Amino acid sequence: MKIKRELLAKLDEWRTSSIRKPLIIRVARQVGKTTLVREFFD
């Protein structure tokens, strides 16, 4: 779960950035992209 916490921390940095760009998550299939985003926005 260390990786998940690191990714959530990076998403939090993105959210609080004053000059953020659109969020695009590009990784392999079936690695938990949707789950990560759902946890982040809940």
PDB file of N, CA and C in Angstrom:
ATOM      1  N   MET A   1       0.802  -1.196   0.000  1.00  0.00           N
ATOM      2  CA  MET A   1       0.000   0.000   0.000  1.00  0.00           C
ATOM      3  C   MET A   1       0.849   1.266   0.000  1.00  0.00           C
ATOM      4  N   LYS A   2       2.145   1.141   0.077  1.00  0.00           N
ATOM      5  CA  LYS A   2       3.022   2.307   0.057  1.00  0.00           C
ATOM      6  C   LYS A   2       2.868   3.071  -1.250  1.00  0.00           C
ATOM      7  N   ILE A   3       2.767   2.340  -2.341  1.00  0.00           N
ATOM      8  CA  ILE A   3       2.642   2.983  -3.644  1.00  0.00           C
ATOM      9  C   ILE A   3       1.342   3.774  -3.712  1.00  0.00           C
ATOM     10  N   LYS A   4       0.257   3.197  -3.190  1.00  0.00           N
ATOM     11  CA  LYS A   4      -1.031   3.893  -3.198  1.00  0.00           C
ATOM     12  C   LYS A   4      -0.936   5.201  -2.427  1.00  0.00           C
ATOM     13  N   ARG A   5      -0.285   5.171  -1.262  1.00  0.00           N
ATOM     14  CA  ARG A   5      -0.146   6.400  -0.468  1.00  0.00           C
ATOM     15  C   ARG A   5       0.678   7.435  -1.214  1.00  0.00           C
ATOM     16  N   GLU A   6       1.722   6.989  -1.897  1.00  0.00           N
ATOM     17  CA  GLU A   6       2.552   7.922  -2.663  1.00  0.00           C
ATOM     18  C   GLU A   6       1.756   8.548  -3.798  1.00  0.00           C
ATOM     19  N   LEU A   7       0.951   7.740  -4.483  1.00  0.00           N
ATOM     20  CA  LEU A   7       0.138   8.266  -5.574  1.00  0.00           C
ATOM     21  C   LEU A   7      -0.927   9.224  -5.058  1.00  0.00           C
ATOM     22  N   LEU A   8      -1.548   8.896  -3.929  1.00  0.00           N
ATOM     23  CA  LEU A   8      -2.527   9.802  -3.349  1.00  0.00           C
ATOM     24  C   LEU A   8      -1.870  11.114  -2.927  1.00  0.00           C
ATOM     25  N   ALA A   9      -0.643  11.049  -2.438  1.00  0.00           N
ATOM     26  CA  ALA A   9       0.081  12.269  -2.065  1.00  0.00           C
ATOM     27  C   ALA A   9       0.371  13.124  -3.298  1.00  0.00           C
ATOM     28  N   LYS A  10       0.747  12.478  -4.401  1.00  0.00           N
ATOM     29  CA  LYS A  10       0.995  13.221  -5.635  1.00  0.00           C
ATOM     30  C   LYS A  10      -0.283  13.870  -6.164  1.00  0.00           C
ATOM     31  N   LEU A  11      -1.393  13.159  -6.061  1.00  0.00           N
ATOM     32  CA  LEU A  11      -2.668  13.737  -6.475  1.00  0.00           C
ATOM     33  C   LEU A  11      -3.042  14.927  -5.592  1.00  0.00           C
ATOM     34  N   ASP A  12      -2.743  14.825  -4.301  1.00  0.00           N
ATOM     35  CA  ASP A  12      -3.025  15.935  -3.405  1.00  0.00           C
ATOM     36  C   ASP A  12      -2.165  17.147  -3.759  1.00  0.00           C
ATOM     37  N   GLU A  13      -0.911  16.925  -4.116  1.00  0.00           N
ATOM     38  CA  GLU A  13      -0.043  18.021  -4.565  1.00  0.00           C
ATOM     39  C   GLU A  13      -0.626  18.667  -5.816  1.00  0.00           C
ATOM     40  N   TRP A  14      -1.110  17.833  -6.734  1.00  0.00           N
ATOM     41  CA  TRP A  14      -1.724  18.350  -7.960  1.00  0.00           C
ATOM     42  C   TRP A  14      -2.931  19.218  -7.624  1.00  0.00           C
ATOM     43  N   ARG A  15      -3.763  18.742  -6.693  1.00  0.00           N
ATOM     44  CA  ARG A  15      -4.989  19.461  -6.346  1.00  0.00           C
ATOM     45  C   ARG A  15      -4.689  20.812  -5.712  1.00  0.00           C
ATOM     46  N   THR A  16      -3.653  20.905  -4.908  1.00  0.00           N
ATOM     47  CA  THR A  16      -3.351  22.148  -4.197  1.00  0.00           C
ATOM     48  C   THR A  16      -2.454  23.090  -4.984  1.00  0.00           C
ATOM     49  N   SER A  17      -1.951  22.647  -6.123  1.00  0.00           N
ATOM     50  CA  SER A  17      -1.082  23.484  -6.937  1.00  0.00           C
ATOM     51  C   SER A  17      -1.862  24.662  -7.517  1.00  0.00           C
ATOM     52  N   SER A  18      -1.237  25.821  -7.522  1.00  0.00           N
ATOM     53  CA  SER A  18      -1.914  27.003  -8.056  1.00  0.00           C
ATOM     54  C   SER A  18      -1.897  27.040  -9.584  1.00  0.00           C
ATOM     55  N   ILE A  19      -0.982  26.307 -10.197  1.00  0.00           N
ATOM     56  CA  ILE A  19      -0.897  26.289 -11.659  1.00  0.00           C
ATOM     57  C   ILE A  19      -1.031  24.862 -12.171  1.00  0.00           C
ATOM     58  N   ARG A  20      -2.118  24.196 -11.784  1.00  0.00           N
ATOM     59  CA  ARG A  20      -2.271  22.807 -12.182  1.00  0.00           C
ATOM     60  C   ARG A  20      -2.829  22.691 -13.595  1.00  0.00           C
ATOM     61  N   LYS A  21      -2.479  21.603 -14.205  1.00  0.00           N
ATOM     62  CA  LYS A  21      -2.948  21.269 -15.541  1.00  0.00           C
ATOM     63  C   LYS A  21      -3.999  20.173 -15.429  1.00  0.00           C
ATOM     64  N   PRO A  22      -4.709  19.872 -16.511  1.00  0.00           N
ATOM     65  CA  PRO A  22      -5.706  18.792 -16.452  1.00  0.00           C
ATOM     66  C   PRO A  22      -5.070  17.477 -16.005  1.00  0.00           C
ATOM     67  N   LEU A  23      -5.843  16.691 -15.299  1.00  0.00           N
ATOM     68  CA  LEU A  23      -5.361  15.420 -14.779  1.00  0.00           C
ATOM     69  C   LEU A  23      -5.512  14.329 -15.828  1.00  0.00           C
ATOM     70  N   ILE A  24      -4.406  13.699 -16.167  1.00  0.00           N
ATOM     71  CA  ILE A  24      -4.402  12.568 -17.096  1.00  0.00           C
ATOM     72  C   ILE A  24      -3.604  11.455 -16.431  1.00  0.00           C
ATOM     73  N   ILE A  25      -4.245  10.315 -16.256  1.00  0.00           N
ATOM     74  CA  ILE A  25      -3.568   9.165 -15.646  1.00  0.00           C
ATOM     75  C   ILE A  25      -3.401   8.116 -16.731  1.00  0.00           C
ATOM     76  N   ARG A  26      -2.158   7.875 -17.119  1.00  0.00           N
ATOM     77  CA  ARG A  26      -1.871   6.922 -18.180  1.00  0.00           C
ATOM     78  C   ARG A  26      -0.927   5.851 -17.660  1.00  0.00           C
ATOM     79  N   VAL A  27      -1.468   4.685 -17.442  1.00  0.00           N
ATOM     80  CA  VAL A  27      -0.674   3.530 -17.032  1.00  0.00           C
ATOM     81  C   VAL A  27      -1.285   2.292 -17.667  1.00  0.00           C
ATOM     82  N   ALA A  28      -0.738   1.157 -17.365  1.00  0.00           N
ATOM     83  CA  ALA A  28      -1.203  -0.109 -17.938  1.00  0.00           C
ATOM     84  C   ALA A  28      -2.658  -0.391 -17.555  1.00  0.00           C
ATOM     85  N   ARG A  29      -3.244  -1.334 -18.243  1.00  0.00           N
ATOM     86  CA  ARG A  29      -4.621  -1.734 -17.975  1.00  0.00           C
ATOM     87  C   ARG A  29      -4.712  -2.489 -16.657  1.00  0.00           C
ATOM     88  N   GLN A  30      -5.837  -2.320 -15.993  1.00  0.00           N
ATOM     89  CA  GLN A  30      -6.193  -3.083 -14.799  1.00  0.00           C
ATOM     90  C   GLN A  30      -5.180  -2.972 -13.660  1.00  0.00           C
ATOM     91  N   VAL A  31      -4.756  -1.740 -13.385  1.00  0.00           N
ATOM     92  CA  VAL A  31      -3.826  -1.535 -12.266  1.00  0.00           C
ATOM     93  C   VAL A  31      -4.440  -0.702 -11.153  1.00  0.00           C
ATOM     94  N   GLY A  32      -5.702  -0.299 -11.295  1.00  0.00           N
ATOM     95  CA  GLY A  32      -6.381   0.413 -10.228  1.00  0.00           C
ATOM     96  C   GLY A  32      -6.530   1.907 -10.427  1.00  0.00           C
ATOM     97  N   LYS A  33      -6.528   2.366 -11.653  1.00  0.00           N
ATOM     98  CA  LYS A  33      -6.676   3.799 -11.919  1.00  0.00           C
ATOM     99  C   LYS A  33      -8.007   4.328 -11.392  1.00  0.00           C
ATOM    100  N   THR A  34      -9.079   3.663 -11.714  1.00  0.00           N
ATOM    101  CA  THR A  34     -10.404   4.107 -11.286  1.00  0.00           C
ATOM    102  C   THR A  34     -10.522   4.067  -9.774  1.00  0.00           C
ATOM    103  N   THR A  35     -10.033   3.019  -9.162  1.00  0.00           N
ATOM    104  CA  THR A  35     -10.079   2.899  -7.701  1.00  0.00           C
ATOM    105  C   THR A  35      -9.294   4.032  -7.051  1.00  0.00           C
ATOM    106  N   LEU A  36      -8.134   4.346  -7.582  1.00  0.00           N
ATOM    107  CA  LEU A  36      -7.306   5.435  -7.047  1.00  0.00           C
ATOM    108  C   LEU A  36      -8.055   6.754  -7.106  1.00  0.00           C
ATOM    109  N   VAL A  37      -8.655   7.056  -8.233  1.00  0.00           N
ATOM    110  CA  VAL A  37      -9.369   8.315  -8.393  1.00  0.00           C
ATOM    111  C   VAL A  37     -10.598   8.364  -7.496  1.00  0.00           C
ATOM    112  N   ARG A  38     -11.304   7.273  -7.378  1.00  0.00           N
ATOM    113  CA  ARG A  38     -12.479   7.236  -6.497  1.00  0.00           C
ATOM    114  C   ARG A  38     -12.084   7.467  -5.047  1.00  0.00           C
ATOM    115  N   GLU A  39     -11.009   6.856  -4.604  1.00  0.00           N
ATOM    116  CA  GLU A  39     -10.542   7.067  -3.229  1.00  0.00           C
ATOM    117  C   GLU A  39     -10.092   8.494  -3.020  1.00  0.00           C
ATOM    118  N   PHE A  40      -9.477   9.065  -4.019  1.00  0.00           N
ATOM    119  CA  PHE A  40      -8.973  10.435  -3.910  1.00  0.00           C
ATOM    120  C   PHE A  40     -10.112  11.437  -3.782  1.00  0.00           C
ATOM    121  N   PHE A  41     -11.169  11.266  -4.550  1.00  0.00           N
ATOM    122  CA  PHE A  41     -12.251  12.245  -4.556  1.00  0.00           C
ATOM    123  C   PHE A  41     -13.346  11.949  -3.545  1.00  0.00           C
ATOM    124  N   ASP A  42     -13.249  10.880  -2.785  1.00  0.00           N
ATOM    125  CA  ASP A  42     -14.233  10.597  -1.742  1.00  0.00           C
ATOM    126  C   ASP A  42     -13.940  11.337  -0.477  1.00  0.00           C
TER     127      ASP A  42
END
